[in-house]
Amino acid sequence: MLIVFGGLPGTGKTTLARRTAAELAAAYLRIDALEAAMGRAGLPRDPRVGLAAYVVAQTVAEGSLAAGATVVVDAVNPVEEARRAWRELAHRTGRPLRVVEVTCSDETEHRRRVENRTPDLDGHDVPSWADVVAREYEPWTEDRLVVDTREPEDACLARIMAYLRA
């Protein structure tokens, strides 16, 4: 199965994606980690690196799915083009796709999380609140589970696991 998490930075997406991958003993692909690694390798920080991270993640995911692994992808997936690539990958590999959009409907809490966030990866720059607010983020139109992290983390994870098993 290909499980794709999406949502703005600071919503709790990485926390839930990591826990999901651990629960399922799945491969875990985080776009931020790929971008940080590319930066450590000397690539410039520009939009091409972000695109390259998605392409690398898709390639690794395809190989992992072909080998029979479940894959969890942790990415903002802000635009339809990024989302379509995951749908096409699932179709190409004949694997089911499950999409989880993570939100935080409490703007004050979301802002607090973003402003208090510290990098957890060497070479990863965390966005400011202004960056998050200004970021292009198209509304999702496909079937997906939406989890609002105003709910407790364990409750969100339980909803995700129920969705994946359905």
Protein backbone atom coordinates (compact mmCIF):
# COMPACT_ATOMS: atom_id res chain seq x y z
CA MET A 1 0.00 0.00 0.00
CA LEU A 2 1.11 3.58 -0.70
CA ILE A 3 0.13 5.94 2.10
CA VAL A 4 0.60 9.63 1.32
CA PHE A 5 0.42 12.28 4.02
CA GLY A 6 -0.08 15.91 3.07
CA GLY A 7 -0.68 19.18 4.85
CA LEU A 8 0.93 22.47 5.71
CA PRO A 9 4.08 22.58 7.82
CA GLY A 10 3.38 22.58 11.55
CA THR A 11 0.11 20.65 11.41
CA GLY A 12 1.55 17.47 12.94
CA LYS A 13 2.00 15.61 9.68
CA THR A 14 5.47 14.24 10.42
CA THR A 15 4.50 13.02 13.87
CA LEU A 16 1.52 11.09 12.50
CA ALA A 17 3.35 9.80 9.41
CA ARG A 18 6.22 8.48 11.54
CA ARG A 19 3.86 6.78 13.96
CA THR A 20 1.91 5.25 11.09
CA ALA A 21 5.09 3.91 9.48
CA ALA A 22 6.21 2.46 12.83
CA GLU A 23 2.81 0.86 13.44
CA LEU A 24 2.89 -0.80 10.01
CA ALA A 25 6.67 -1.48 9.88
CA ALA A 26 6.52 0.45 6.60
CA ALA A 27 9.17 2.30 4.63
CA TYR A 28 9.10 6.00 5.60
CA LEU A 29 9.97 8.70 3.05
CA ARG A 30 10.15 12.28 4.26
CA ILE A 31 10.59 15.02 1.68
CA ASP A 32 12.22 17.34 4.27
CA ALA A 33 14.91 14.70 4.92
CA LEU A 34 15.65 14.38 1.22
CA GLU A 35 15.86 18.15 0.77
CA ALA A 36 18.17 18.44 3.81
CA ALA A 37 20.42 15.67 2.44
CA MET A 38 20.63 17.41 -0.92
CA GLY A 39 21.62 20.62 0.86
CA ARG A 40 24.33 18.78 2.78
CA ALA A 41 25.56 17.44 -0.56
CA GLY A 42 26.05 21.02 -1.72
CA LEU A 43 22.95 21.56 -3.85
CA PRO A 44 21.55 25.10 -3.71
CA ARG A 45 18.38 25.79 -1.78
CA ASP A 46 15.94 26.62 -4.51
CA PRO A 47 12.67 25.22 -5.90
CA ARG A 48 14.53 22.71 -8.09
CA VAL A 49 15.75 20.89 -4.96
CA GLY A 50 12.18 20.60 -3.69
CA LEU A 51 11.06 19.13 -7.00
CA ALA A 52 14.07 16.80 -7.04
CA ALA A 53 13.18 15.55 -3.54
CA TYR A 54 9.70 14.59 -4.73
CA VAL A 55 11.13 12.80 -7.79
CA VAL A 56 13.65 10.91 -5.64
CA ALA A 57 10.92 9.95 -3.14
CA GLN A 58 8.70 8.69 -5.96
CA THR A 59 11.54 6.60 -7.37
CA VAL A 60 12.39 5.08 -3.99
CA ALA A 61 8.71 4.50 -3.27
CA GLU A 62 8.26 2.72 -6.59
CA GLY A 63 11.14 0.35 -5.87
CA SER A 64 9.89 -0.31 -2.35
CA LEU A 65 6.34 -0.99 -3.54
CA ALA A 66 7.65 -3.32 -6.24
CA ALA A 67 9.53 -5.23 -3.52
CA GLY A 68 6.28 -5.65 -1.60
CA ALA A 69 6.76 -3.00 1.07
CA THR A 70 4.15 -0.61 2.37
CA VAL A 71 5.37 2.96 1.92
CA VAL A 72 4.47 6.03 3.98
CA VAL A 73 5.23 9.38 2.34
CA ASP A 74 5.52 12.52 4.49
CA ALA A 75 5.25 15.60 2.27
CA VAL A 76 3.35 18.86 2.08
CA ASN A 77 1.98 17.86 -1.34
CA PRO A 78 0.75 21.42 -1.84
CA VAL A 79 -0.41 21.24 -5.45
CA GLU A 80 -2.32 18.88 -7.71
CA GLU A 81 0.78 18.08 -9.77
CA ALA A 82 2.49 16.53 -6.72
CA ARG A 83 -0.66 14.65 -5.71
CA ARG A 84 -1.24 13.32 -9.22
CA ALA A 85 2.27 11.81 -9.27
CA TRP A 86 1.41 9.65 -6.22
CA ARG A 87 -1.87 8.53 -7.83
CA GLU A 88 -0.01 7.60 -11.00
CA LEU A 89 2.61 5.71 -8.99
CA ALA A 90 -0.04 3.67 -7.17
CA HIS A 91 -1.74 2.90 -10.49
CA ARG A 92 1.55 1.96 -12.18
CA THR A 93 2.53 -0.42 -9.38
CA GLY A 94 -0.96 -1.83 -8.86
CA ARG A 95 -0.92 -0.84 -5.19
CA PRO A 96 -3.76 0.75 -3.23
CA LEU A 97 -3.35 4.44 -2.42
CA ARG A 98 -4.53 5.99 0.83
CA VAL A 99 -4.24 9.75 1.32
CA VAL A 100 -4.24 11.45 4.71
CA GLU A 101 -4.48 15.23 4.88
CA VAL A 102 -3.37 16.61 8.24
CA THR A 103 -4.79 19.95 9.36
CA CYS A 104 -4.78 22.08 12.48
CA SER A 105 -7.97 24.13 12.45
CA ASP A 106 -6.90 26.14 15.50
CA GLU A 107 -4.86 28.89 13.85
CA THR A 108 -3.39 30.08 17.15
CA GLU A 109 -2.16 26.57 17.95
CA HIS A 110 -0.88 26.05 14.42
CA ARG A 111 1.06 29.31 14.57
CA ARG A 112 2.48 28.40 18.00
CA ARG A 113 3.73 25.09 16.64
CA VAL A 114 5.37 26.70 13.63
CA GLU A 115 6.99 29.49 15.65
CA ASN A 116 8.33 27.09 18.30
CA ARG A 117 9.54 24.44 15.90
CA THR A 118 13.23 23.61 15.80
CA PRO A 119 14.96 21.66 13.03
CA ASP A 120 15.17 17.92 13.71
CA LEU A 121 17.37 17.26 10.67
CA ASP A 122 20.88 18.51 9.95
CA GLY A 123 20.53 21.09 7.19
CA HIS A 124 16.75 21.44 7.43
CA ASP A 125 15.40 24.99 7.56
CA VAL A 126 12.02 25.19 9.23
CA PRO A 127 9.61 27.70 7.71
CA SER A 128 8.42 30.79 9.53
CA TRP A 129 4.73 31.46 10.12
CA ALA A 130 4.86 34.03 7.30
CA ASP A 131 6.26 31.31 5.00
CA VAL A 132 3.45 28.92 5.94
CA VAL A 133 0.72 31.54 5.43
CA ALA A 134 2.17 32.64 2.07
CA ARG A 135 2.72 29.11 0.77
CA GLU A 136 0.77 27.96 -2.26
CA TYR A 137 -1.57 25.21 -1.08
CA GLU A 138 -4.38 24.09 -3.36
CA PRO A 139 -7.53 22.60 -1.86
CA TRP A 140 -7.64 18.80 -2.08
CA THR A 141 -10.34 17.35 -4.31
CA GLU A 142 -9.67 13.62 -4.08
CA ASP A 143 -10.97 11.08 -1.59
CA ARG A 144 -8.88 11.19 1.56
CA LEU A 145 -9.01 11.05 5.31
CA VAL A 146 -8.74 14.48 6.92
CA VAL A 147 -7.41 14.49 10.47
CA ASP A 148 -7.45 17.65 12.55
CA THR A 149 -4.68 17.65 15.11
CA ARG A 150 -6.81 19.60 17.56
CA GLU A 151 -7.73 16.03 18.50
CA PRO A 152 -5.24 14.10 20.67
CA GLU A 153 -2.42 12.42 18.76
CA ASP A 154 -3.54 8.90 19.75
CA ALA A 155 -7.08 9.61 18.54
CA CYS A 156 -5.72 10.84 15.18
CA LEU A 157 -3.56 7.74 14.85
CA ALA A 158 -6.52 5.47 15.66
CA ARG A 159 -8.58 7.16 12.93
CA ILE A 160 -5.71 6.77 10.45
CA MET A 161 -5.24 3.08 11.24
CA ALA A 162 -9.00 2.45 10.91
CA TYR A 163 -8.98 4.21 7.53
CA LEU A 164 -6.03 2.16 6.32
CA ARG A 165 -7.65 -1.12 7.36
CA ALA A 166 -11.03 -0.30 5.80
